[in-house]
Amino acid sequence: MSWEGIEGHDQIANRFSSAEAAGRIAGSYLFIGQEGIGKATFAKSLTMALACEGSENNLTACHKCNSCIQALAGTHPDIDIVQKPTERTTIPLESLIGSPDQRLRAGLCWRLLLRPQLASRKFAILLDADHLSEEAANCLLKTLEEPPPGAVVILVGTTLERQLPTIRSRCQVIRFSPLSDDIIKHVIQTEQQQNGQDLTDSTLDEIARIAQGSLSKARLFLDEELTSFRTKLFKMLSEKPLRGVDLTRATIGIVEAVGKEPSLRRTRLRLVLDLSIDFFRTKLHVIHGIPCPADAILESTIHAWSASPEEITQCLEYSLDARQGVDRNANLGILVDAWTANLERA
């Protein structure tokens, strides 16, 4: 039985359970791992269990007490969750220390100083830690270095490289591993059955293989249109010379097919760029003789593409830059045009 219904991270849960039993929960944590593996869900469940009124030091929330009910509803007065607004490129400074007219009298850092109302201590979860501006990150330093007595602050990000060294040095780093194919297949199959649907073993195997440990990606690949586009994308990237106009048209088409909601379009473009990054990174590994798991479609297309290490590296960097552009809320049409033009010139 997985901890709090979260698959794949029982060892981390056991570490926190032992730390809580020994009274050694730290004040500041940095959760690191790829997107879509449950870090944010784990952080929310952890704070709920630590705040639970009925817990018996086994880090298991009762889900029945007033504290758990409010945590589940997102209204717990002692559990503060801050994340990047969808329309912003970074976490606003006012989310941490208040607006200019309320500076240091509002925001996450100020609320952590208040006396707990329901739980025995205060908790803060800062999602999207990758998108902390340097100014906002610096405002957090004092809080992370000396959290209020009993307070627990959890930052959730993807890689250590995207965090300021001053942030990393003040947090206990917890690394979350990608989910195994078996876990992804189990979760996806269970969710589909709950919706009255069933998937064949071969479909589950394919989804788990191309999701590369990310449950959120696996859910996206339930759409056969995206699975088919993955094959089309890899074939287009392997062509030489690359046909930039066709790649632009195909990319814009798959992005706009999801509808007019900007957040959904950005999610799709992130996936397209992630797939391209996988393509170039796998090719770079193969050309240097580094073993790299690849399915039949990816393997056949990277072998069909003849490119020098310098060209591959350049294409990879262009794709990584474009991926960051999506997170910075750049215009998607202009972003795709620039990305494909750069690949064509590489």
C-alpha atoms as a PDB file:
ATOM      1  CA  MET A   1       0.000   0.000   0.000  1.00  0.00           C
ATOM      2  CA  SER A   2       1.548   3.303  -1.108  1.00  0.00           C
ATOM      3  CA  TRP A   3       1.881   6.164   1.361  1.00  0.00           C
ATOM      4  CA  GLU A   4      -1.187   8.427   1.201  1.00  0.00           C
ATOM      5  CA  GLY A   5      -2.028   6.910  -2.182  1.00  0.00           C
ATOM      6  CA  ILE A   6       1.097   8.446  -3.762  1.00  0.00           C
ATOM      7  CA  GLU A   7       2.942   5.883  -5.847  1.00  0.00           C
ATOM      8  CA  GLY A   8       6.708   5.550  -6.108  1.00  0.00           C
ATOM      9  CA  HIS A   9       7.958   7.576  -3.149  1.00  0.00           C
ATOM     10  CA  ASP A  10       7.507   5.316  -0.125  1.00  0.00           C
ATOM     11  CA  GLN A  11      11.194   5.505   0.796  1.00  0.00           C
ATOM     12  CA  ILE A  12      10.998   9.282   1.066  1.00  0.00           C
ATOM     13  CA  ALA A  13       7.823   8.962   3.137  1.00  0.00           C
ATOM     14  CA  ASN A  14       9.609   6.537   5.468  1.00  0.00           C
ATOM     15  CA  ARG A  15      12.458   9.040   5.914  1.00  0.00           C
ATOM     16  CA  PHE A  16      10.021  11.765   6.921  1.00  0.00           C
ATOM     17  CA  SER A  17       8.151   9.372   9.210  1.00  0.00           C
ATOM     18  CA  SER A  18      11.378   8.480  11.020  1.00  0.00           C
ATOM     19  CA  ALA A  19      12.382  12.141  11.236  1.00  0.00           C
ATOM     20  CA  GLU A  20       9.011  13.121  12.695  1.00  0.00           C
ATOM     21  CA  ALA A  21       9.117  10.287  15.243  1.00  0.00           C
ATOM     22  CA  ALA A  22      12.578  11.456  16.311  1.00  0.00           C
ATOM     23  CA  GLY A  23      11.541  15.114  16.395  1.00  0.00           C
ATOM     24  CA  ARG A  24      14.017  15.927  13.632  1.00  0.00           C
ATOM     25  CA  ILE A  25      11.882  17.471  10.904  1.00  0.00           C
ATOM     26  CA  ALA A  26      13.985  20.238   9.337  1.00  0.00           C
ATOM     27  CA  GLY A  27      12.806  23.785   8.806  1.00  0.00           C
ATOM     28  CA  SER A  28      13.562  24.047   5.075  1.00  0.00           C
ATOM     29  CA  TYR A  29      13.346  21.465   2.291  1.00  0.00           C
ATOM     30  CA  LEU A  30      13.919  21.583  -1.455  1.00  0.00           C
ATOM     31  CA  PHE A  31      12.064  18.887  -3.407  1.00  0.00           C
ATOM     32  CA  ILE A  32      13.825  18.165  -6.716  1.00  0.00           C
ATOM     33  CA  GLY A  33      12.759  15.925  -9.590  1.00  0.00           C
ATOM     34  CA  GLN A  34      11.308  15.994 -13.094  1.00  0.00           C
ATOM     35  CA  GLU A  35       7.820  17.306 -13.726  1.00  0.00           C
ATOM     36  CA  GLY A  36       4.825  15.071 -13.263  1.00  0.00           C
ATOM     37  CA  ILE A  37       6.113  12.596 -10.670  1.00  0.00           C
ATOM     38  CA  GLY A  38       4.138  13.761  -7.630  1.00  0.00           C
ATOM     39  CA  LYS A  39       6.410  16.203  -5.780  1.00  0.00           C
ATOM     40  CA  ALA A  40       3.691  18.817  -5.215  1.00  0.00           C
ATOM     41  CA  THR A  41       1.153  16.168  -4.208  1.00  0.00           C
ATOM     42  CA  PHE A  42       3.677  14.683  -1.802  1.00  0.00           C
ATOM     43  CA  ALA A  43       4.390  18.105  -0.263  1.00  0.00           C
ATOM     44  CA  LYS A  44       0.687  18.775   0.296  1.00  0.00           C
ATOM     45  CA  SER A  45       0.074  15.331   1.789  1.00  0.00           C
ATOM     46  CA  LEU A  46       3.152  15.678   3.994  1.00  0.00           C
ATOM     47  CA  THR A  47       2.029  18.979   5.503  1.00  0.00           C
ATOM     48  CA  MET A  48      -1.468  17.584   6.027  1.00  0.00           C
ATOM     49  CA  ALA A  49      -0.057  14.551   7.868  1.00  0.00           C
ATOM     50  CA  LEU A  50       2.249  16.719   9.987  1.00  0.00           C
ATOM     51  CA  ALA A  51      -0.676  18.990  10.887  1.00  0.00           C
ATOM     52  CA  CYS A  52      -3.165  16.148  11.527  1.00  0.00           C
ATOM     53  CA  GLU A  53      -4.787  16.212  14.947  1.00  0.00           C
ATOM     54  CA  GLY A  54      -5.368  12.453  14.959  1.00  0.00           C
ATOM     55  CA  SER A  55      -1.958  11.282  13.737  1.00  0.00           C
ATOM     56  CA  GLU A  56      -0.081   8.933  16.074  1.00  0.00           C
ATOM     57  CA  ASN A  57       3.492   9.774  15.020  1.00  0.00           C
ATOM     58  CA  ASN A  58       3.286   7.462  12.001  1.00  0.00           C
ATOM     59  CA  LEU A  59       2.925  10.276   9.477  1.00  0.00           C
ATOM     60  CA  THR A  60      -0.492   9.079   8.399  1.00  0.00           C
ATOM     61  CA  ALA A  61      -3.248  11.672   8.163  1.00  0.00           C
ATOM     62  CA  CYS A  62      -6.606  10.584   9.540  1.00  0.00           C
ATOM     63  CA  HIS A  63      -8.537  12.541   6.861  1.00  0.00           C
ATOM     64  CA  LYS A  64     -11.306  13.062   9.407  1.00  0.00           C
ATOM     65  CA  CYS A  65     -10.161  15.686  11.892  1.00  0.00           C
ATOM     66  CA  ASN A  66     -10.833  19.380  11.426  1.00  0.00           C
ATOM     67  CA  SER A  67      -7.227  19.957  10.394  1.00  0.00           C
ATOM     68  CA  CYS A  68      -7.336  17.313   7.650  1.00  0.00           C
ATOM     69  CA  ILE A  69     -10.709  18.477   6.363  1.00  0.00           C
ATOM     70  CA  GLN A  70      -9.452  22.042   6.003  1.00  0.00           C
ATOM     71  CA  ALA A  71      -6.193  20.867   4.429  1.00  0.00           C
ATOM     72  CA  LEU A  72      -8.112  18.838   1.852  1.00  0.00           C
ATOM     73  CA  ALA A  73     -10.301  21.848   1.123  1.00  0.00           C
ATOM     74  CA  GLY A  74      -7.274  24.119   0.739  1.00  0.00           C
ATOM     75  CA  THR A  75      -8.436  26.384   3.564  1.00  0.00           C
ATOM     76  CA  HIS A  76      -6.110  25.350   6.394  1.00  0.00           C
ATOM     77  CA  PRO A  77      -5.007  28.524   8.214  1.00  0.00           C
ATOM     78  CA  ASP A  78      -1.552  27.110   8.977  1.00  0.00           C
ATOM     79  CA  ILE A  79      -0.715  25.623   5.565  1.00  0.00           C
ATOM     80  CA  ASP A  80       0.326  28.299   3.089  1.00  0.00           C
ATOM     81  CA  ILE A  81       0.717  27.406  -0.617  1.00  0.00           C
ATOM     82  CA  VAL A  82       2.261  29.882  -3.056  1.00  0.00           C
ATOM     83  CA  GLN A  83       2.817  29.336  -6.769  1.00  0.00           C
ATOM     84  CA  LYS A  84       3.497  31.281  -9.946  1.00  0.00           C
ATOM     85  CA  PRO A  85       0.368  32.844 -11.456  1.00  0.00           C
ATOM     86  CA  THR A  86      -0.274  31.515 -14.957  1.00  0.00           C
ATOM     87  CA  GLU A  87       0.010  35.000 -16.450  1.00  0.00           C
ATOM     88  CA  ARG A  88       3.360  35.766 -14.793  1.00  0.00           C
ATOM     89  CA  THR A  89       6.845  34.596 -15.703  1.00  0.00           C
ATOM     90  CA  THR A  90       8.074  34.519 -12.096  1.00  0.00           C
ATOM     91  CA  ILE A  91       6.647  34.247  -8.600  1.00  0.00           C
ATOM     92  CA  PRO A  92       5.699  37.839  -7.675  1.00  0.00           C
ATOM     93  CA  LEU A  93       7.710  39.490  -4.940  1.00  0.00           C
ATOM     94  CA  GLU A  94       4.463  40.557  -3.238  1.00  0.00           C
ATOM     95  CA  SER A  95       3.539  36.895  -2.747  1.00  0.00           C
ATOM     96  CA  LEU A  96       6.501  36.651  -0.373  1.00  0.00           C
ATOM     97  CA  ILE A  97       6.709  40.038   1.370  1.00  0.00           C
ATOM     98  CA  GLY A  98       3.493  41.841   0.438  1.00  0.00           C
ATOM     99  CA  SER A  99       2.665  44.683  -1.948  1.00  0.00           C
ATOM    100  CA  PRO A 100       4.610  47.967  -1.677  1.00  0.00           C
ATOM    101  CA  ASP A 101       2.004  49.524   0.624  1.00  0.00           C
ATOM    102  CA  GLN A 102       2.031  46.425   2.872  1.00  0.00           C
ATOM    103  CA  ARG A 103       5.704  45.512   2.600  1.00  0.00           C
ATOM    104  CA  LEU A 104       6.757  43.073   5.377  1.00  0.00           C
ATOM    105  CA  ARG A 105       3.193  43.137   6.737  1.00  0.00           C
ATOM    106  CA  ALA A 106       1.787  40.581   4.299  1.00  0.00           C
ATOM    107  CA  GLY A 107       2.979  37.715   2.129  1.00  0.00           C
ATOM    108  CA  LEU A 108       4.323  34.243   2.831  1.00  0.00           C
ATOM    109  CA  CYS A 109       7.311  35.293   4.948  1.00  0.00           C
ATOM    110  CA  TRP A 110       5.129  37.447   7.194  1.00  0.00           C
ATOM    111  CA  ARG A 111       2.376  34.819   7.569  1.00  0.00           C
ATOM    112  CA  LEU A 112       4.931  32.254   8.731  1.00  0.00           C
ATOM    113  CA  LEU A 113       5.686  34.486  11.710  1.00  0.00           C
ATOM    114  CA  LEU A 114       2.089  34.388  12.950  1.00  0.00           C
ATOM    115  CA  ARG A 115       1.005  32.069  15.750  1.00  0.00           C
ATOM    116  CA  PRO A 116      -0.530  28.786  14.482  1.00  0.00           C
ATOM    117  CA  GLN A 117      -4.320  28.789  14.654  1.00  0.00           C
ATOM    118  CA  LEU A 118      -5.149  25.109  14.299  1.00  0.00           C
ATOM    119  CA  ALA A 119      -2.001  23.008  13.979  1.00  0.00           C
ATOM    120  CA  SER A 120       0.940  23.007  16.356  1.00  0.00           C
ATOM    121  CA  ARG A 121       3.188  24.724  13.779  1.00  0.00           C
ATOM    122  CA  LYS A 122       3.141  26.648  10.511  1.00  0.00           C
ATOM    123  CA  PHE A 123       3.745  25.167   7.062  1.00  0.00           C
ATOM    124  CA  ALA A 124       4.573  26.736   3.709  1.00  0.00           C
ATOM    125  CA  ILE A 125       4.773  25.128   0.273  1.00  0.00           C
ATOM    126  CA  LEU A 126       6.340  27.172  -2.509  1.00  0.00           C
ATOM    127  CA  LEU A 127       5.553  25.547  -5.836  1.00  0.00           C
ATOM    128  CA  ASP A 128       7.312  26.541  -9.064  1.00  0.00           C
ATOM    129  CA  ALA A 129      10.564  27.279  -7.228  1.00  0.00           C
ATOM    130  CA  ASP A 130      12.266  27.207 -10.643  1.00  0.00           C
ATOM    131  CA  HIS A 131      10.555  30.517 -11.316  1.00  0.00           C
ATOM    132  CA  LEU A 132      11.782  32.485  -8.339  1.00  0.00           C
ATOM    133  CA  SER A 133      13.329  35.749  -9.455  1.00  0.00           C
ATOM    134  CA  GLU A 134      16.669  36.590  -7.857  1.00  0.00           C
ATOM    135  CA  GLU A 135      14.989  39.388  -5.909  1.00  0.00           C
ATOM    136  CA  ALA A 136      12.243  37.104  -4.609  1.00  0.00           C
ATOM    137  CA  ALA A 137      14.726  34.344  -3.794  1.00  0.00           C
ATOM    138  CA  ASN A 138      16.833  36.772  -1.769  1.00  0.00           C
ATOM    139  CA  CYS A 139      13.746  37.722   0.255  1.00  0.00           C
ATOM    140  CA  LEU A 140      13.387  34.073   1.223  1.00  0.00           C
ATOM    141  CA  LEU A 141      16.942  33.596   2.459  1.00  0.00           C
ATOM    142  CA  LYS A 142      16.410  34.762   6.038  1.00  0.00           C
ATOM    143  CA  THR A 143      13.240  32.688   6.363  1.00  0.00           C
ATOM    144  CA  LEU A 144      14.965  29.576   5.007  1.00  0.00           C
ATOM    145  CA  GLU A 145      18.056  30.041   7.149  1.00  0.00           C
ATOM    146  CA  GLU A 146      16.134  30.665  10.367  1.00  0.00           C
ATOM    147  CA  PRO A 147      12.515  29.525   9.988  1.00  0.00           C
ATOM    148  CA  PRO A 148      10.167  30.478  12.841  1.00  0.00           C
ATOM    149  CA  PRO A 149      10.209  27.839  15.626  1.00  0.00           C
ATOM    150  CA  GLY A 150       8.525  24.660  14.402  1.00  0.00           C
ATOM    151  CA  ALA A 151       7.785  26.047  10.943  1.00  0.00           C
ATOM    152  CA  VAL A 152       8.366  23.857   7.879  1.00  0.00           C
ATOM    153  CA  VAL A 153       9.046  25.408   4.463  1.00  0.00           C
ATOM    154  CA  ILE A 154       9.036  23.233   1.332  1.00  0.00           C
ATOM    155  CA  LEU A 155      10.222  24.481  -2.070  1.00  0.00           C
ATOM    156  CA  VAL A 156       9.293  22.379  -5.102  1.00  0.00           C
ATOM    157  CA  GLY A 157      11.457  22.546  -8.243  1.00  0.00           C
ATOM    158  CA  THR A 158      12.838  20.390 -11.024  1.00  0.00           C
ATOM    159  CA  THR A 159      16.647  20.688 -10.929  1.00  0.00           C
ATOM    160  CA  LEU A 160      19.249  22.057  -8.555  1.00  0.00           C
ATOM    161  CA  GLU A 161      20.752  24.061 -11.409  1.00  0.00           C
ATOM    162  CA  ARG A 162      17.598  26.182 -11.607  1.00  0.00           C
ATOM    163  CA  GLN A 163      17.873  27.231  -7.948  1.00  0.00           C
ATOM    164  CA  LEU A 164      20.173  29.941  -6.658  1.00  0.00           C
ATOM    165  CA  PRO A 165      23.174  28.553  -4.730  1.00  0.00           C
ATOM    166  CA  THR A 166      22.054  30.570  -1.702  1.00  0.00           C
ATOM    167  CA  ILE A 167      18.683  28.769  -1.799  1.00  0.00           C
ATOM    168  CA  ARG A 168      20.257  25.329  -2.223  1.00  0.00           C
ATOM    169  CA  SER A 169      22.640  25.824   0.675  1.00  0.00           C
ATOM    170  CA  ARG A 170      19.839  26.680   3.088  1.00  0.00           C
ATOM    171  CA  CYS A 171      17.581  23.714   2.308  1.00  0.00           C
ATOM    172  CA  GLN A 172      17.741  19.992   2.855  1.00  0.00           C
ATOM    173  CA  VAL A 173      17.512  18.581  -0.674  1.00  0.00           C
ATOM    174  CA  ILE A 174      15.102  15.690  -1.259  1.00  0.00           C
ATOM    175  CA  ARG A 175      15.488  14.030  -4.661  1.00  0.00           C
ATOM    176  CA  PHE A 176      12.438  12.388  -6.228  1.00  0.00           C
ATOM    177  CA  SER A 177      13.093   9.689  -8.827  1.00  0.00           C
ATOM    178  CA  PRO A 178      11.113   9.193 -12.049  1.00  0.00           C
ATOM    179  CA  LEU A 179       8.266   6.722 -11.704  1.00  0.00           C
ATOM    180  CA  SER A 180       8.791   3.195 -12.965  1.00  0.00           C
ATOM    181  CA  ASP A 181       6.916   1.942 -16.018  1.00  0.00           C
ATOM    182  CA  ASP A 182       4.975  -0.492 -13.822  1.00  0.00           C
ATOM    183  CA  ILE A 183       3.768   2.313 -11.557  1.00  0.00           C
ATOM    184  CA  ILE A 184       2.720   4.465 -14.499  1.00  0.00           C
ATOM    185  CA  LYS A 185       0.843   1.572 -16.081  1.00  0.00           C
ATOM    186  CA  HIS A 186      -0.895   0.761 -12.798  1.00  0.00           C
ATOM    187  CA  VAL A 187      -1.991   4.352 -12.150  1.00  0.00           C
ATOM    188  CA  ILE A 188      -3.133   4.976 -15.739  1.00  0.00           C
ATOM    189  CA  GLN A 189      -5.041   1.704 -15.903  1.00  0.00           C
ATOM    190  CA  THR A 190      -6.725   2.389 -12.557  1.00  0.00           C
ATOM    191  CA  GLU A 191      -7.761   5.890 -13.622  1.00  0.00           C
ATOM    192  CA  GLN A 192      -9.119   4.634 -16.923  1.00  0.00           C
ATOM    193  CA  GLN A 193     -11.113   1.868 -15.258  1.00  0.00           C
ATOM    194  CA  GLN A 194     -12.616   4.397 -12.858  1.00  0.00           C
ATOM    195  CA  ASN A 195     -13.822   6.275 -15.946  1.00  0.00           C
ATOM    196  CA  GLY A 196     -15.343   3.127 -17.371  1.00  0.00           C
ATOM    197  CA  GLN A 197     -12.573   2.568 -19.898  1.00  0.00           C
ATOM    198  CA  ASP A 198      -9.882  -0.049 -20.344  1.00  0.00           C
ATOM    199  CA  LEU A 199      -6.556  -0.049 -22.160  1.00  0.00           C
ATOM    200  CA  THR A 200      -4.757  -2.942 -23.780  1.00  0.00           C
ATOM    201  CA  ASP A 201      -1.423  -4.072 -22.392  1.00  0.00           C
ATOM    202  CA  SER A 202       0.344  -2.931 -25.557  1.00  0.00           C
ATOM    203  CA  THR A 203      -1.142   0.570 -25.272  1.00  0.00           C
ATOM    204  CA  LEU A 204      -0.143   0.794 -21.629  1.00  0.00           C
ATOM    205  CA  ASP A 205       3.373  -0.381 -22.454  1.00  0.00           C
ATOM    206  CA  GLU A 206       3.733   2.274 -25.160  1.00  0.00           C
ATOM    207  CA  ILE A 207       2.408   5.085 -22.949  1.00  0.00           C
ATOM    208  CA  ALA A 208       4.675   4.132 -20.056  1.00  0.00           C
ATOM    209  CA  ARG A 209       7.713   3.848 -22.323  1.00  0.00           C
ATOM    210  CA  ILE A 210       7.353   7.259 -23.958  1.00  0.00           C
ATOM    211  CA  ALA A 211       6.295   9.007 -20.717  1.00  0.00           C
ATOM    212  CA  GLN A 212       9.827   8.480 -19.336  1.00  0.00           C
ATOM    213  CA  GLY A 213       8.807   8.332 -15.694  1.00  0.00           C
ATOM    214  CA  SER A 214       6.353  11.253 -15.756  1.00  0.00           C
ATOM    215  CA  LEU A 215       2.732  10.544 -14.892  1.00  0.00           C
ATOM    216  CA  SER A 216       1.586  13.900 -16.253  1.00  0.00           C
ATOM    217  CA  LYS A 217       3.167  13.073 -19.627  1.00  0.00           C
ATOM    218  CA  ALA A 218       1.582   9.630 -19.571  1.00  0.00           C
ATOM    219  CA  ARG A 219      -1.842  11.228 -19.160  1.00  0.00           C
ATOM    220  CA  LEU A 220      -1.172  13.497 -22.132  1.00  0.00           C
ATOM    221  CA  PHE A 221      -0.236  10.513 -24.292  1.00  0.00           C
ATOM    222  CA  LEU A 222      -3.643   8.964 -23.679  1.00  0.00           C
ATOM    223  CA  ASP A 223      -4.549  11.238 -26.597  1.00  0.00           C
ATOM    224  CA  GLU A 224      -3.747   9.171 -29.690  1.00  0.00           C
ATOM    225  CA  GLU A 225      -3.278  12.395 -31.643  1.00  0.00           C
ATOM    226  CA  LEU A 226      -0.244  13.236 -29.504  1.00  0.00           C
ATOM    227  CA  THR A 227       1.198   9.735 -29.763  1.00  0.00           C
ATOM    228  CA  SER A 228       0.900   9.920 -33.548  1.00  0.00           C
ATOM    229  CA  PHE A 229       2.429  13.407 -33.580  1.00  0.00           C
ATOM    230  CA  ARG A 230       5.443  12.135 -31.627  1.00  0.00           C
ATOM    231  CA  THR A 231       6.265   9.746 -34.484  1.00  0.00           C
ATOM    232  CA  LYS A 232       5.714  12.511 -37.048  1.00  0.00           C
ATOM    233  CA  LEU A 233       7.898  14.944 -35.104  1.00  0.00           C
ATOM    234  CA  PHE A 234      10.823  12.548 -34.801  1.00  0.00           C
ATOM    235  CA  LYS A 235      10.687  11.798 -38.532  1.00  0.00           C
ATOM    236  CA  MET A 236      10.681  15.515 -39.361  1.00  0.00           C
ATOM    237  CA  LEU A 237      13.613  16.193 -37.031  1.00  0.00           C
ATOM    238  CA  SER A 238      15.603  13.378 -38.651  1.00  0.00           C
ATOM    239  CA  GLU A 239      15.255  14.833 -42.158  1.00  0.00           C
ATOM    240  CA  LYS A 240      18.207  16.645 -43.655  1.00  0.00           C
ATOM    241  CA  PRO A 241      17.829  19.347 -44.663  1.00  0.00           C
ATOM    242  CA  LEU A 242      15.190  20.037 -42.054  1.00  0.00           C
ATOM    243  CA  ARG A 243      12.016  21.550 -43.523  1.00  0.00           C
ATOM    244  CA  GLY A 244      11.397  24.414 -41.110  1.00  0.00           C
ATOM    245  CA  VAL A 245       8.122  25.588 -42.665  1.00  0.00           C
ATOM    246  CA  ASP A 246       6.599  22.114 -42.430  1.00  0.00           C
ATOM    247  CA  LEU A 247       7.809  21.695 -38.847  1.00  0.00           C
ATOM    248  CA  THR A 248       6.329  25.082 -37.913  1.00  0.00           C
ATOM    249  CA  ARG A 249       2.998  24.216 -39.515  1.00  0.00           C
ATOM    250  CA  ALA A 250       2.828  20.823 -37.800  1.00  0.00           C
ATOM    251  CA  THR A 251       3.800  22.234 -34.399  1.00  0.00           C
ATOM    252  CA  ILE A 252       1.312  25.111 -34.547  1.00  0.00           C
ATOM    253  CA  GLY A 253      -1.350  22.664 -35.694  1.00  0.00           C
ATOM    254  CA  ILE A 254      -0.933  20.275 -32.761  1.00  0.00           C
ATOM    255  CA  VAL A 255      -0.770  23.196 -30.310  1.00  0.00           C
ATOM    256  CA  GLU A 256      -3.912  24.863 -31.601  1.00  0.00           C
ATOM    257  CA  ALA A 257      -5.798  21.563 -31.811  1.00  0.00           C
ATOM    258  CA  VAL A 258      -6.182  21.536 -28.022  1.00  0.00           C
ATOM    259  CA  GLY A 259      -8.414  24.651 -28.119  1.00  0.00           C
ATOM    260  CA  LYS A 260      -8.082  28.336 -27.373  1.00  0.00           C
ATOM    261  CA  GLU A 261      -7.171  28.107 -23.668  1.00  0.00           C
ATOM    262  CA  PRO A 262      -3.622  29.582 -23.411  1.00  0.00           C
ATOM    263  CA  SER A 263      -2.522  27.304 -20.568  1.00  0.00           C
ATOM    264  CA  LEU A 264      -3.509  24.176 -22.528  1.00  0.00           C
ATOM    265  CA  ARG A 265      -1.659  25.426 -25.600  1.00  0.00           C
ATOM    266  CA  ARG A 266       1.460  26.100 -23.544  1.00  0.00           C
ATOM    267  CA  THR A 267       1.258  22.604 -22.044  1.00  0.00           C
ATOM    268  CA  ARG A 268       1.156  21.119 -25.536  1.00  0.00           C
ATOM    269  CA  LEU A 269       4.080  23.195 -26.783  1.00  0.00           C
ATOM    270  CA  ARG A 270       6.100  22.214 -23.707  1.00  0.00           C
ATOM    271  CA  LEU A 271       5.477  18.586 -24.607  1.00  0.00           C
ATOM    272  CA  VAL A 272       6.550  19.133 -28.233  1.00  0.00           C
ATOM    273  CA  LEU A 273       9.757  20.798 -27.085  1.00  0.00           C
ATOM    274  CA  ASP A 274      10.360  18.120 -24.435  1.00  0.00           C
ATOM    275  CA  LEU A 275      10.062  15.473 -27.152  1.00  0.00           C
ATOM    276  CA  SER A 276      12.535  17.385 -29.318  1.00  0.00           C
ATOM    277  CA  ILE A 277      14.933  17.681 -26.388  1.00  0.00           C
ATOM    278  CA  ASP A 278      14.642  13.905 -25.869  1.00  0.00           C
ATOM    279  CA  PHE A 279      15.416  13.363 -29.563  1.00  0.00           C
ATOM    280  CA  PHE A 280      18.546  15.528 -29.599  1.00  0.00           C
ATOM    281  CA  ARG A 281      19.771  14.385 -26.194  1.00  0.00           C
ATOM    282  CA  THR A 282      19.397  10.712 -27.103  1.00  0.00           C
ATOM    283  CA  LYS A 283      21.261  11.290 -30.376  1.00  0.00           C
ATOM    284  CA  LEU A 284      24.059  13.030 -28.477  1.00  0.00           C
ATOM    285  CA  HIS A 285      24.313  10.111 -26.050  1.00  0.00           C
ATOM    286  CA  VAL A 286      24.387   7.559 -28.867  1.00  0.00           C
ATOM    287  CA  ILE A 287      27.045   9.391 -30.879  1.00  0.00           C
ATOM    288  CA  HIS A 288      29.271   9.419 -27.787  1.00  0.00           C
ATOM    289  CA  GLY A 289      28.621   5.747 -27.079  1.00  0.00           C
ATOM    290  CA  ILE A 290      26.539   6.325 -23.959  1.00  0.00           C
ATOM    291  CA  PRO A 291      23.765   3.710 -23.484  1.00  0.00           C
ATOM    292  CA  CYS A 292      20.370   5.417 -23.597  1.00  0.00           C
ATOM    293  CA  PRO A 293      16.984   3.625 -23.508  1.00  0.00           C
ATOM    294  CA  ALA A 294      15.001   4.337 -26.658  1.00  0.00           C
ATOM    295  CA  ASP A 295      11.874   2.824 -28.194  1.00  0.00           C
ATOM    296  CA  ALA A 296      11.832   1.595 -31.793  1.00  0.00           C
ATOM    297  CA  ILE A 297      10.540   4.880 -33.265  1.00  0.00           C
ATOM    298  CA  LEU A 298      13.082   7.068 -31.479  1.00  0.00           C
ATOM    299  CA  GLU A 299      15.911   4.644 -32.206  1.00  0.00           C
ATOM    300  CA  SER A 300      15.175   4.385 -35.920  1.00  0.00           C
ATOM    301  CA  THR A 301      14.849   8.153 -36.417  1.00  0.00           C
ATOM    302  CA  ILE A 302      18.002   9.136 -34.533  1.00  0.00           C
ATOM    303  CA  HIS A 303      19.999   6.587 -36.536  1.00  0.00           C
ATOM    304  CA  ALA A 304      18.540   8.009 -39.744  1.00  0.00           C
ATOM    305  CA  TRP A 305      19.749  11.520 -38.815  1.00  0.00           C
ATOM    306  CA  SER A 306      23.380  12.243 -39.667  1.00  0.00           C
ATOM    307  CA  ALA A 307      24.718  15.189 -37.705  1.00  0.00           C
ATOM    308  CA  SER A 308      27.919  16.228 -36.019  1.00  0.00           C
ATOM    309  CA  PRO A 309      28.152  16.544 -32.222  1.00  0.00           C
ATOM    310  CA  GLU A 310      28.318  20.326 -32.698  1.00  0.00           C
ATOM    311  CA  GLU A 311      25.086  20.365 -34.735  1.00  0.00           C
ATOM    312  CA  ILE A 312      23.307  18.142 -32.232  1.00  0.00           C
ATOM    313  CA  THR A 313      24.414  20.294 -29.319  1.00  0.00           C
ATOM    314  CA  GLN A 314      23.269  23.446 -31.126  1.00  0.00           C
ATOM    315  CA  CYS A 315      19.828  21.938 -31.825  1.00  0.00           C
ATOM    316  CA  LEU A 316      19.549  20.836 -28.216  1.00  0.00           C
ATOM    317  CA  GLU A 317      20.389  24.316 -26.968  1.00  0.00           C
ATOM    318  CA  TYR A 318      17.852  25.913 -29.324  1.00  0.00           C
ATOM    319  CA  SER A 319      15.162  23.560 -27.999  1.00  0.00           C
ATOM    320  CA  LEU A 320      16.083  24.200 -24.371  1.00  0.00           C
ATOM    321  CA  ASP A 321      15.950  27.955 -25.002  1.00  0.00           C
ATOM    322  CA  ALA A 322      12.528  27.621 -26.629  1.00  0.00           C
ATOM    323  CA  ARG A 323      11.321  25.542 -23.669  1.00  0.00           C
ATOM    324  CA  GLN A 324      12.340  28.348 -21.321  1.00  0.00           C
ATOM    325  CA  GLY A 325      10.550  30.788 -23.609  1.00  0.00           C
ATOM    326  CA  VAL A 326       7.283  28.945 -23.024  1.00  0.00           C
ATOM    327  CA  ASP A 327       7.754  29.350 -19.267  1.00  0.00           C
ATOM    328  CA  ARG A 328       8.453  33.048 -19.787  1.00  0.00           C
ATOM    329  CA  ASN A 329       5.051  33.433 -21.501  1.00  0.00           C
ATOM    330  CA  ALA A 330       6.558  34.345 -24.868  1.00  0.00           C
ATOM    331  CA  ASN A 331       4.210  34.588 -27.853  1.00  0.00           C
ATOM    332  CA  LEU A 332       3.807  30.984 -28.988  1.00  0.00           C
ATOM    333  CA  GLY A 333       3.654  31.685 -32.724  1.00  0.00           C
ATOM    334  CA  ILE A 334       6.809  33.801 -32.687  1.00  0.00           C
ATOM    335  CA  LEU A 335       8.517  31.262 -30.414  1.00  0.00           C
ATOM    336  CA  VAL A 336       7.808  28.345 -32.761  1.00  0.00           C
ATOM    337  CA  ASP A 337       8.931  30.342 -35.818  1.00  0.00           C
ATOM    338  CA  ALA A 338      12.224  31.244 -34.143  1.00  0.00           C
ATOM    339  CA  TRP A 339      12.802  27.685 -32.905  1.00  0.00           C
ATOM    340  CA  THR A 340      12.266  26.032 -36.285  1.00  0.00           C
ATOM    341  CA  ALA A 341      14.322  28.704 -38.063  1.00  0.00           C
ATOM    342  CA  ASN A 342      17.204  28.076 -35.672  1.00  0.00           C
ATOM    343  CA  LEU A 343      16.996  24.313 -36.190  1.00  0.00           C
ATOM    344  CA  GLU A 344      16.983  24.826 -39.943  1.00  0.00           C
ATOM    345  CA  ARG A 345      20.206  26.845 -39.748  1.00  0.00           C
ATOM    346  CA  ALA A 346      22.003  24.459 -37.360  1.00  0.00           C
END
